């Protein structure tokens, strides 16, 4: 269902969120970045790691995106760990 179970303070800062506002909410309710949501869909549907992809969250702010599907004991993807890193403008 793509519900956020945890987000740290850095994630809140990157996406300009109020601390705690996304927990227990569908990610798409608070973050509308199409590229990010498409990467998440791909990661879940294909049980696929997404590494070193770039998304733009503001006019001049680019994030490096890494996603890692996590499976339960039955081999079903039940979570995706998402790691974001700011990219300097000179590394576009």
PDB file of N, CA and C in Angstrom:
ATOM      1  N   UNK A   1       0.810  -1.209   0.000  1.00  0.00           N
ATOM      2  CA  UNK A   1       0.000   0.000   0.000  1.00  0.00           C
ATOM      3  C   UNK A   1       0.851   1.270   0.000  1.00  0.00           C
ATOM      4  N   UNK A   2       2.149   1.083   0.035  1.00  0.00           N
ATOM      5  CA  UNK A   2       3.107   2.199  -0.009  1.00  0.00           C
ATOM      6  C   UNK A   2       2.898   3.183   1.145  1.00  0.00           C
ATOM      7  N   UNK A   3       2.695   2.626   2.329  1.00  0.00           N
ATOM      8  CA  UNK A   3       2.506   3.422   3.538  1.00  0.00           C
ATOM      9  C   UNK A   3       3.865   3.627   4.203  1.00  0.00           C
ATOM     10  N   UNK A   4       4.140   4.841   4.596  1.00  0.00           N
ATOM     11  CA  UNK A   4       5.399   5.176   5.258  1.00  0.00           C
ATOM     12  C   UNK A   4       5.357   4.650   6.692  1.00  0.00           C
ATOM     13  N   UNK A   5       6.380   3.864   7.052  1.00  0.00           N
ATOM     14  CA  UNK A   5       6.447   3.357   8.427  1.00  0.00           C
ATOM     15  C   UNK A   5       7.485   4.102   9.257  1.00  0.00           C
ATOM     16  N   UNK A   6       8.456   4.717   8.588  1.00  0.00           N
ATOM     17  CA  UNK A   6       9.472   5.492   9.289  1.00  0.00           C
ATOM     18  C   UNK A   6      10.110   6.473   8.307  1.00  0.00           C
ATOM     19  N   UNK A   7      10.398   7.649   8.798  1.00  0.00           N
ATOM     20  CA  UNK A   7      11.175   8.627   8.026  1.00  0.00           C
ATOM     21  C   UNK A   7      12.009   9.398   9.041  1.00  0.00           C
ATOM     22  N   UNK A   8      13.276   9.561   8.742  1.00  0.00           N
ATOM     23  CA  UNK A   8      14.124  10.279   9.691  1.00  0.00           C
ATOM     24  C   UNK A   8      14.056  11.786   9.438  1.00  0.00           C
ATOM     25  N   UNK A   9      14.716  12.541  10.305  1.00  0.00           N
ATOM     26  CA  UNK A   9      14.644  14.002  10.202  1.00  0.00           C
ATOM     27  C   UNK A   9      15.254  14.523   8.901  1.00  0.00           C
ATOM     28  N   UNK A  10      16.240  13.835   8.371  1.00  0.00           N
ATOM     29  CA  UNK A  10      16.844  14.264   7.109  1.00  0.00           C
ATOM     30  C   UNK A  10      15.826  14.121   5.975  1.00  0.00           C
ATOM     31  N   UNK A  11      15.080  13.019   5.951  1.00  0.00           N
ATOM     32  CA  UNK A  11      14.035  12.829   4.943  1.00  0.00           C
ATOM     33  C   UNK A  11      12.968  13.903   5.039  1.00  0.00           C
ATOM     34  N   UNK A  12      12.574  14.219   6.268  1.00  0.00           N
ATOM     35  CA  UNK A  12      11.598  15.299   6.454  1.00  0.00           C
ATOM     36  C   UNK A  12      12.124  16.608   5.897  1.00  0.00           C
ATOM     37  N   UNK A  13      13.394  16.903   6.175  1.00  0.00           N
ATOM     38  CA  UNK A  13      13.999  18.149   5.687  1.00  0.00           C
ATOM     39  C   UNK A  13      14.080  18.172   4.160  1.00  0.00           C
ATOM     40  N   UNK A  14      14.511  17.065   3.561  1.00  0.00           N
ATOM     41  CA  UNK A  14      14.653  17.013   2.104  1.00  0.00           C
ATOM     42  C   UNK A  14      13.339  17.299   1.388  1.00  0.00           C
ATOM     43  N   UNK A  15      12.265  16.735   1.920  1.00  0.00           N
ATOM     44  CA  UNK A  15      10.963  16.870   1.257  1.00  0.00           C
ATOM     45  C   UNK A  15      10.074  17.936   1.895  1.00  0.00           C
ATOM     46  N   UNK A  16      10.663  18.722   2.803  1.00  0.00           N
ATOM     47  CA  UNK A  16       9.944  19.832   3.447  1.00  0.00           C
ATOM     48  C   UNK A  16       8.652  19.347   4.122  1.00  0.00           C
ATOM     49  N   UNK A  17       8.793  18.288   4.930  1.00  0.00           N
ATOM     50  CA  UNK A  17       7.650  17.705   5.623  1.00  0.00           C
ATOM     51  C   UNK A  17       7.700  18.052   7.101  1.00  0.00           C
ATOM     52  N   UNK A  18       6.548  18.079   7.712  1.00  0.00           N
ATOM     53  CA  UNK A  18       6.458  18.254   9.158  1.00  0.00           C
ATOM     54  C   UNK A  18       6.790  16.908   9.783  1.00  0.00           C
ATOM     55  N   UNK A  19       7.667  16.878  10.794  1.00  0.00           N
ATOM     56  CA  UNK A  19       8.025  15.598  11.408  1.00  0.00           C
ATOM     57  C   UNK A  19       6.785  14.795  11.823  1.00  0.00           C
ATOM     58  N   UNK A  20       6.763  13.546  11.394  1.00  0.00           N
ATOM     59  CA  UNK A  20       5.660  12.646  11.738  1.00  0.00           C
ATOM     60  C   UNK A  20       4.450  12.705  10.834  1.00  0.00           C
ATOM     61  N   UNK A  21       4.362  13.684   9.947  1.00  0.00           N
ATOM     62  CA  UNK A  21       3.144  13.830   9.150  1.00  0.00           C
ATOM     63  C   UNK A  21       2.975  12.734   8.101  1.00  0.00           C
ATOM     64  N   UNK A  22       4.050  12.078   7.706  1.00  0.00           N
ATOM     65  CA  UNK A  22       3.922  11.049   6.680  1.00  0.00           C
ATOM     66  C   UNK A  22       3.782   9.645   7.246  1.00  0.00           C
ATOM     67  N   UNK A  23       4.153   9.455   8.493  1.00  0.00           N
ATOM     68  CA  UNK A  23       4.088   8.121   9.095  1.00  0.00           C
ATOM     69  C   UNK A  23       2.631   7.650   9.116  1.00  0.00           C
ATOM     70  N   UNK A  24       2.435   6.406   8.708  1.00  0.00           N
ATOM     71  CA  UNK A  24       1.116   5.775   8.594  1.00  0.00           C
ATOM     72  C   UNK A  24       0.255   6.380   7.490  1.00  0.00           C
ATOM     73  N   UNK A  25       0.877   7.103   6.568  1.00  0.00           N
ATOM     74  CA  UNK A  25       0.177   7.682   5.421  1.00  0.00           C
ATOM     75  C   UNK A  25       0.745   7.087   4.135  1.00  0.00           C
ATOM     76  N   UNK A  26      -0.071   7.016   3.106  1.00  0.00           N
ATOM     77  CA  UNK A  26       0.429   6.614   1.786  1.00  0.00           C
ATOM     78  C   UNK A  26       1.427   7.663   1.332  1.00  0.00           C
ATOM     79  N   UNK A  27       2.555   7.215   0.819  1.00  0.00           N
ATOM     80  CA  UNK A  27       3.615   8.128   0.395  1.00  0.00           C
ATOM     81  C   UNK A  27       3.104   9.166  -0.596  1.00  0.00           C
ATOM     82  N   UNK A  28       2.253   8.748  -1.513  1.00  0.00           N
ATOM     83  CA  UNK A  28       1.761   9.649  -2.561  1.00  0.00           C
ATOM     84  C   UNK A  28       0.878  10.773  -2.023  1.00  0.00           C
ATOM     85  N   UNK A  29       0.427  10.675  -0.789  1.00  0.00           N
ATOM     86  CA  UNK A  29      -0.373  11.767  -0.203  1.00  0.00           C
ATOM     87  C   UNK A  29       0.482  12.970   0.155  1.00  0.00           C
ATOM     88  N   UNK A  30       1.748  12.727   0.461  1.00  0.00           N
ATOM     89  CA  UNK A  30       2.619  13.811   0.923  1.00  0.00           C
ATOM     90  C   UNK A  30       3.739  14.150  -0.052  1.00  0.00           C
ATOM     91  N   UNK A  31       4.079  13.207  -0.934  1.00  0.00           N
ATOM     92  CA  UNK A  31       5.156  13.431  -1.896  1.00  0.00           C
ATOM     93  C   UNK A  31       4.601  13.133  -3.283  1.00  0.00           C
ATOM     94  N   UNK A  32       4.653  14.118  -4.145  1.00  0.00           N
ATOM     95  CA  UNK A  32       4.030  13.965  -5.463  1.00  0.00           C
ATOM     96  C   UNK A  32       5.040  13.853  -6.593  1.00  0.00           C
ATOM     97  N   UNK A  33       6.283  13.551  -6.277  1.00  0.00           N
ATOM     98  CA  UNK A  33       7.312  13.446  -7.299  1.00  0.00           C
ATOM     99  C   UNK A  33       7.077  12.184  -8.129  1.00  0.00           C
ATOM    100  N   UNK A  34       6.693  12.363  -9.393  1.00  0.00           N
ATOM    101  CA  UNK A  34       6.345  11.231 -10.255  1.00  0.00           C
ATOM    102  C   UNK A  34       7.490  10.250 -10.448  1.00  0.00           C
ATOM    103  N   UNK A  35       8.696  10.751 -10.640  1.00  0.00           N
ATOM    104  CA  UNK A  35       9.845   9.863 -10.840  1.00  0.00           C
ATOM    105  C   UNK A  35      10.068   8.993  -9.614  1.00  0.00           C
ATOM    106  N   UNK A  36       9.996   9.590  -8.439  1.00  0.00           N
ATOM    107  CA  UNK A  36      10.169   8.836  -7.199  1.00  0.00           C
ATOM    108  C   UNK A  36       9.109   7.746  -7.073  1.00  0.00           C
ATOM    109  N   UNK A  37       7.853   8.101  -7.334  1.00  0.00           N
ATOM    110  CA  UNK A  37       6.764   7.135  -7.216  1.00  0.00           C
ATOM    111  C   UNK A  37       6.889   6.022  -8.256  1.00  0.00           C
ATOM    112  N   UNK A  38       7.373   6.347  -9.447  1.00  0.00           N
ATOM    113  CA  UNK A  38       7.591   5.321 -10.478  1.00  0.00           C
ATOM    114  C   UNK A  38       8.720   4.372 -10.077  1.00  0.00           C
ATOM    115  N   UNK A  39       9.805   4.913  -9.514  1.00  0.00           N
ATOM    116  CA  UNK A  39      10.890   4.051  -9.040  1.00  0.00           C
ATOM    117  C   UNK A  39      10.382   3.108  -7.944  1.00  0.00           C
ATOM    118  N   UNK A  40       9.553   3.633  -7.053  1.00  0.00           N
ATOM    119  CA  UNK A  40       8.995   2.802  -5.989  1.00  0.00           C
ATOM    120  C   UNK A  40       8.128   1.686  -6.561  1.00  0.00           C
ATOM    121  N   UNK A  41       7.269   2.021  -7.508  1.00  0.00           N
ATOM    122  CA  UNK A  41       6.436   0.998  -8.164  1.00  0.00           C
ATOM    123  C   UNK A  41       7.297  -0.089  -8.800  1.00  0.00           C
ATOM    124  N   UNK A  42       8.331   0.313  -9.507  1.00  0.00           N
ATOM    125  CA  UNK A  42       9.220  -0.641 -10.158  1.00  0.00           C
ATOM    126  C   UNK A  42       9.904  -1.543  -9.134  1.00  0.00           C
ATOM    127  N   UNK A  43      10.367  -0.943  -8.067  1.00  0.00           N
ATOM    128  CA  UNK A  43      11.053  -1.706  -7.028  1.00  0.00           C
ATOM    129  C   UNK A  43      10.134  -2.761  -6.420  1.00  0.00           C
ATOM    130  N   UNK A  44       8.879  -2.398  -6.170  1.00  0.00           N
ATOM    131  CA  UNK A  44       7.919  -3.323  -5.565  1.00  0.00           C
ATOM    132  C   UNK A  44       7.484  -4.398  -6.567  1.00  0.00           C
ATOM    133  N   UNK A  45       7.034  -3.975  -7.724  1.00  0.00           N
ATOM    134  CA  UNK A  45       6.474  -4.918  -8.702  1.00  0.00           C
ATOM    135  C   UNK A  45       7.495  -5.904  -9.240  1.00  0.00           C
ATOM    136  N   UNK A  46       8.728  -5.446  -9.427  1.00  0.00           N
ATOM    137  CA  UNK A  46       9.748  -6.299 -10.026  1.00  0.00           C
ATOM    138  C   UNK A  46      10.741  -6.860  -9.016  1.00  0.00           C
ATOM    139  N   UNK A  47      10.503  -6.582  -7.724  1.00  0.00           N
ATOM    140  CA  UNK A  47      11.448  -7.008  -6.685  1.00  0.00           C
ATOM    141  C   UNK A  47      12.856  -6.621  -7.121  1.00  0.00           C
ATOM    142  N   UNK A  48      13.003  -5.334  -7.441  1.00  0.00           N
ATOM    143  CA  UNK A  48      14.225  -4.845  -8.067  1.00  0.00           C
ATOM    144  C   UNK A  48      14.849  -3.723  -7.250  1.00  0.00           C
ATOM    145  N   UNK A  49      16.169  -3.812  -7.058  1.00  0.00           N
ATOM    146  CA  UNK A  49      16.896  -2.707  -6.444  1.00  0.00           C
ATOM    147  C   UNK A  49      16.965  -1.564  -7.447  1.00  0.00           C
ATOM    148  N   UNK A  50      16.827  -0.366  -6.950  1.00  0.00           N
ATOM    149  CA  UNK A  50      17.006   0.838  -7.756  1.00  0.00           C
ATOM    150  C   UNK A  50      18.216   1.544  -7.161  1.00  0.00           C
ATOM    151  N   UNK A  51      19.239   1.764  -7.959  1.00  0.00           N
ATOM    152  CA  UNK A  51      20.444   2.397  -7.412  1.00  0.00           C
ATOM    153  C   UNK A  51      20.903   3.544  -8.294  1.00  0.00           C
ATOM    154  N   UNK A  52      21.358   4.570  -7.621  1.00  0.00           N
ATOM    155  CA  UNK A  52      21.969   5.737  -8.270  1.00  0.00           C
ATOM    156  C   UNK A  52      21.106   6.374  -9.350  1.00  0.00           C
ATOM    157  N   UNK A  53      19.811   6.458  -9.101  1.00  0.00           N
ATOM    158  CA  UNK A  53      18.909   7.196  -9.994  1.00  0.00           C
ATOM    159  C   UNK A  53      18.767   8.609  -9.453  1.00  0.00           C
ATOM    160  N   UNK A  54      18.546   9.537 -10.334  1.00  0.00           N
ATOM    161  CA  UNK A  54      18.427  10.945  -9.932  1.00  0.00           C
ATOM    162  C   UNK A  54      16.992  11.427 -10.082  1.00  0.00           C
ATOM    163  N   UNK A  55      16.552  12.214  -9.099  1.00  0.00           N
ATOM    164  CA  UNK A  55      15.262  12.898  -9.199  1.00  0.00           C
ATOM    165  C   UNK A  55      15.468  14.360  -8.826  1.00  0.00           C
ATOM    166  N   UNK A  56      14.653  15.211  -9.390  1.00  0.00           N
ATOM    167  CA  UNK A  56      14.682  16.627  -9.052  1.00  0.00           C
ATOM    168  C   UNK A  56      13.502  16.901  -8.137  1.00  0.00           C
ATOM    169  N   UNK A  57      13.781  17.460  -6.953  1.00  0.00           N
ATOM    170  CA  UNK A  57      12.684  17.751  -6.028  1.00  0.00           C
ATOM    171  C   UNK A  57      12.342  19.231  -5.987  1.00  0.00           C
ATOM    172  N   UNK A  58      13.282  20.056  -6.364  1.00  0.00           N
ATOM    173  CA  UNK A  58      13.044  21.481  -6.521  1.00  0.00           C
ATOM    174  C   UNK A  58      13.832  21.914  -7.733  1.00  0.00           C
ATOM    175  N   UNK A  59      13.658  23.134  -8.121  1.00  0.00           N
ATOM    176  CA  UNK A  59      14.292  23.624  -9.342  1.00  0.00           C
ATOM    177  C   UNK A  59      15.773  23.274  -9.433  1.00  0.00           C
ATOM    178  N   UNK A  60      16.513  23.483  -8.364  1.00  0.00           N
ATOM    179  CA  UNK A  60      17.959  23.238  -8.397  1.00  0.00           C
ATOM    180  C   UNK A  60      18.408  22.161  -7.420  1.00  0.00           C
ATOM    181  N   UNK A  61      17.484  21.354  -6.925  1.00  0.00           N
ATOM    182  CA  UNK A  61      17.870  20.336  -5.947  1.00  0.00           C
ATOM    183  C   UNK A  61      17.635  18.945  -6.521  1.00  0.00           C
ATOM    184  N   UNK A  62      18.734  18.210  -6.625  1.00  0.00           N
ATOM    185  CA  UNK A  62      18.693  16.869  -7.191  1.00  0.00           C
ATOM    186  C   UNK A  62      19.065  15.872  -6.097  1.00  0.00           C
ATOM    187  N   UNK A  63      18.326  14.779  -6.057  1.00  0.00           N
ATOM    188  CA  UNK A  63      18.620  13.716  -5.098  1.00  0.00           C
ATOM    189  C   UNK A  63      19.029  12.459  -5.839  1.00  0.00           C
ATOM    190  N   UNK A  64      19.995  11.769  -5.273  1.00  0.00           N
ATOM    191  CA  UNK A  64      20.356  10.434  -5.716  1.00  0.00           C
ATOM    192  C   UNK A  64      19.444   9.469  -4.946  1.00  0.00           C
ATOM    193  N   UNK A  65      18.808   8.551  -5.651  1.00  0.00           N
ATOM    194  CA  UNK A  65      17.828   7.646  -5.055  1.00  0.00           C
ATOM    195  C   UNK A  65      18.331   6.209  -5.108  1.00  0.00           C
ATOM    196  N   UNK A  66      18.213   5.519  -3.983  1.00  0.00           N
ATOM    197  CA  UNK A  66      18.496   4.088  -3.895  1.00  0.00           C
ATOM    198  C   UNK A  66      17.323   3.432  -3.172  1.00  0.00           C
ATOM    199  N   UNK A  67      16.827   2.330  -3.724  1.00  0.00           N
ATOM    200  CA  UNK A  67      15.703   1.608  -3.121  1.00  0.00           C
ATOM    201  C   UNK A  67      16.038   0.123  -3.052  1.00  0.00           C
ATOM    202  N   UNK A  68      15.723  -0.462  -1.919  1.00  0.00           N
ATOM    203  CA  UNK A  68      16.035  -1.864  -1.690  1.00  0.00           C
ATOM    204  C   UNK A  68      14.794  -2.586  -1.169  1.00  0.00           C
ATOM    205  N   UNK A  69      14.216  -3.487  -1.971  1.00  0.00           N
ATOM    206  CA  UNK A  69      13.042  -4.239  -1.519  1.00  0.00           C
ATOM    207  C   UNK A  69      13.416  -5.170  -0.371  1.00  0.00           C
ATOM    208  N   UNK A  70      12.523  -5.297   0.571  1.00  0.00           N
ATOM    209  CA  UNK A  70      12.701  -6.194   1.714  1.00  0.00           C
ATOM    210  C   UNK A  70      11.556  -7.194   1.692  1.00  0.00           C
ATOM    211  N   UNK A  71      11.898  -8.476   1.816  1.00  0.00           N
ATOM    212  CA  UNK A  71      10.898  -9.539   1.726  1.00  0.00           C
ATOM    213  C   UNK A  71      10.586 -10.132   3.093  1.00  0.00           C
ATOM    214  N   UNK A  72       9.398 -10.697   3.198  1.00  0.00           N
ATOM    215  CA  UNK A  72       9.047 -11.451   4.391  1.00  0.00           C
ATOM    216  C   UNK A  72       9.529 -12.897   4.229  1.00  0.00           C
ATOM    217  N   UNK A  73       9.217 -13.762   5.176  1.00  0.00           N
ATOM    218  CA  UNK A  73       9.706 -15.143   5.119  1.00  0.00           C
ATOM    219  C   UNK A  73       9.103 -15.947   3.970  1.00  0.00           C
ATOM    220  N   UNK A  74       8.059 -15.421   3.338  1.00  0.00           N
ATOM    221  CA  UNK A  74       7.429 -16.092   2.205  1.00  0.00           C
ATOM    222  C   UNK A  74       7.966 -15.593   0.862  1.00  0.00           C
ATOM    223  N   UNK A  75       8.919 -14.674   0.905  1.00  0.00           N
ATOM    224  CA  UNK A  75       9.505 -14.146  -0.314  1.00  0.00           C
ATOM    225  C   UNK A  75       8.725 -13.019  -0.956  1.00  0.00           C
ATOM    226  N   UNK A  76       7.754 -12.463  -0.235  1.00  0.00           N
ATOM    227  CA  UNK A  76       6.939 -11.358  -0.752  1.00  0.00           C
ATOM    228  C   UNK A  76       7.581 -10.027  -0.343  1.00  0.00           C
ATOM    229  N   UNK A  77       7.609  -9.086  -1.262  1.00  0.00           N
ATOM    230  CA  UNK A  77       8.117  -7.754  -0.935  1.00  0.00           C
ATOM    231  C   UNK A  77       7.108  -7.086  -0.011  1.00  0.00           C
ATOM    232  N   UNK A  78       7.560  -6.733   1.191  1.00  0.00           N
ATOM    233  CA  UNK A  78       6.666  -6.115   2.170  1.00  0.00           C
ATOM    234  C   UNK A  78       7.073  -4.691   2.532  1.00  0.00           C
ATOM    235  N   UNK A  79       8.285  -4.319   2.204  1.00  0.00           N
ATOM    236  CA  UNK A  79       8.782  -2.973   2.475  1.00  0.00           C
ATOM    237  C   UNK A  79       9.831  -2.623   1.423  1.00  0.00           C
ATOM    238  N   UNK A  80      10.100  -1.342   1.326  1.00  0.00           N
ATOM    239  CA  UNK A  80      11.214  -0.886   0.497  1.00  0.00           C
ATOM    240  C   UNK A  80      11.981   0.148   1.317  1.00  0.00           C
ATOM    241  N   UNK A  81      13.251  -0.113   1.509  1.00  0.00           N
ATOM    242  CA  UNK A  81      14.130   0.848   2.171  1.00  0.00           C
ATOM    243  C   UNK A  81      14.568   1.850   1.116  1.00  0.00           C
ATOM    244  N   UNK A  82      14.310   3.122   1.368  1.00  0.00           N
ATOM    245  CA  UNK A  82      14.690   4.170   0.418  1.00  0.00           C
ATOM    246  C   UNK A  82      15.755   5.052   1.055  1.00  0.00           C
ATOM    247  N   UNK A  83      16.818   5.265   0.309  1.00  0.00           N
ATOM    248  CA  UNK A  83      17.919   6.105   0.784  1.00  0.00           C
ATOM    249  C   UNK A  83      18.120   7.224  -0.225  1.00  0.00           C
ATOM    250  N   UNK A  84      18.143   8.451   0.285  1.00  0.00           N
ATOM    251  CA  UNK A  84      18.303   9.626  -0.562  1.00  0.00           C
ATOM    252  C   UNK A  84      19.582  10.360  -0.185  1.00  0.00           C
ATOM    253  N   UNK A  85      20.213  10.952  -1.175  1.00  0.00           N
ATOM    254  CA  UNK A  85      21.419  11.726  -0.952  1.00  0.00           C
ATOM    255  C   UNK A  85      21.369  12.949  -1.861  1.00  0.00           C
ATOM    256  N   UNK A  86      21.660  14.094  -1.281  1.00  0.00           N
ATOM    257  CA  UNK A  86      21.721  15.308  -2.097  1.00  0.00           C
ATOM    258  C   UNK A  86      22.888  15.216  -3.076  1.00  0.00           C
ATOM    259  N   UNK A  87      22.654  15.719  -4.283  1.00  0.00           N
ATOM    260  CA  UNK A  87      23.696  15.757  -5.294  1.00  0.00           C
ATOM    261  C   UNK A  87      24.045  17.227  -5.513  1.00  0.00           C
ATOM    262  N   UNK A  88      25.333  17.523  -5.503  1.00  0.00           N
ATOM    263  CA  UNK A  88      25.762  18.904  -5.759  1.00  0.00           C
ATOM    264  C   UNK A  88      25.460  19.272  -7.193  1.00  0.00           C
ATOM    265  N   UNK A  89      25.174  20.535  -7.426  1.00  0.00           N
ATOM    266  CA  UNK A  89      24.865  21.012  -8.774  1.00  0.00           C
ATOM    267  C   UNK A  89      25.973  20.694  -9.774  1.00  0.00           C
ATOM    268  N   UNK A  90      27.230  20.670  -9.322  1.00  0.00           N
ATOM    269  CA  UNK A  90      28.318  20.413 -10.258  1.00  0.00           C
ATOM    270  C   UNK A  90      28.438  18.931 -10.614  1.00  0.00           C
ATOM    271  N   UNK A  91      27.623  18.069  -9.998  1.00  0.00           N
ATOM    272  CA  UNK A  91      27.638  16.643 -10.292  1.00  0.00           C
ATOM    273  C   UNK A  91      26.437  16.227 -11.147  1.00  0.00           C
ATOM    274  N   UNK A  92      25.722  17.173 -11.707  1.00  0.00           N
ATOM    275  CA  UNK A  92      24.543  16.843 -12.512  1.00  0.00           C
ATOM    276  C   UNK A  92      24.925  15.870 -13.589  1.00  0.00           C
TER     277      UNK A  92
END
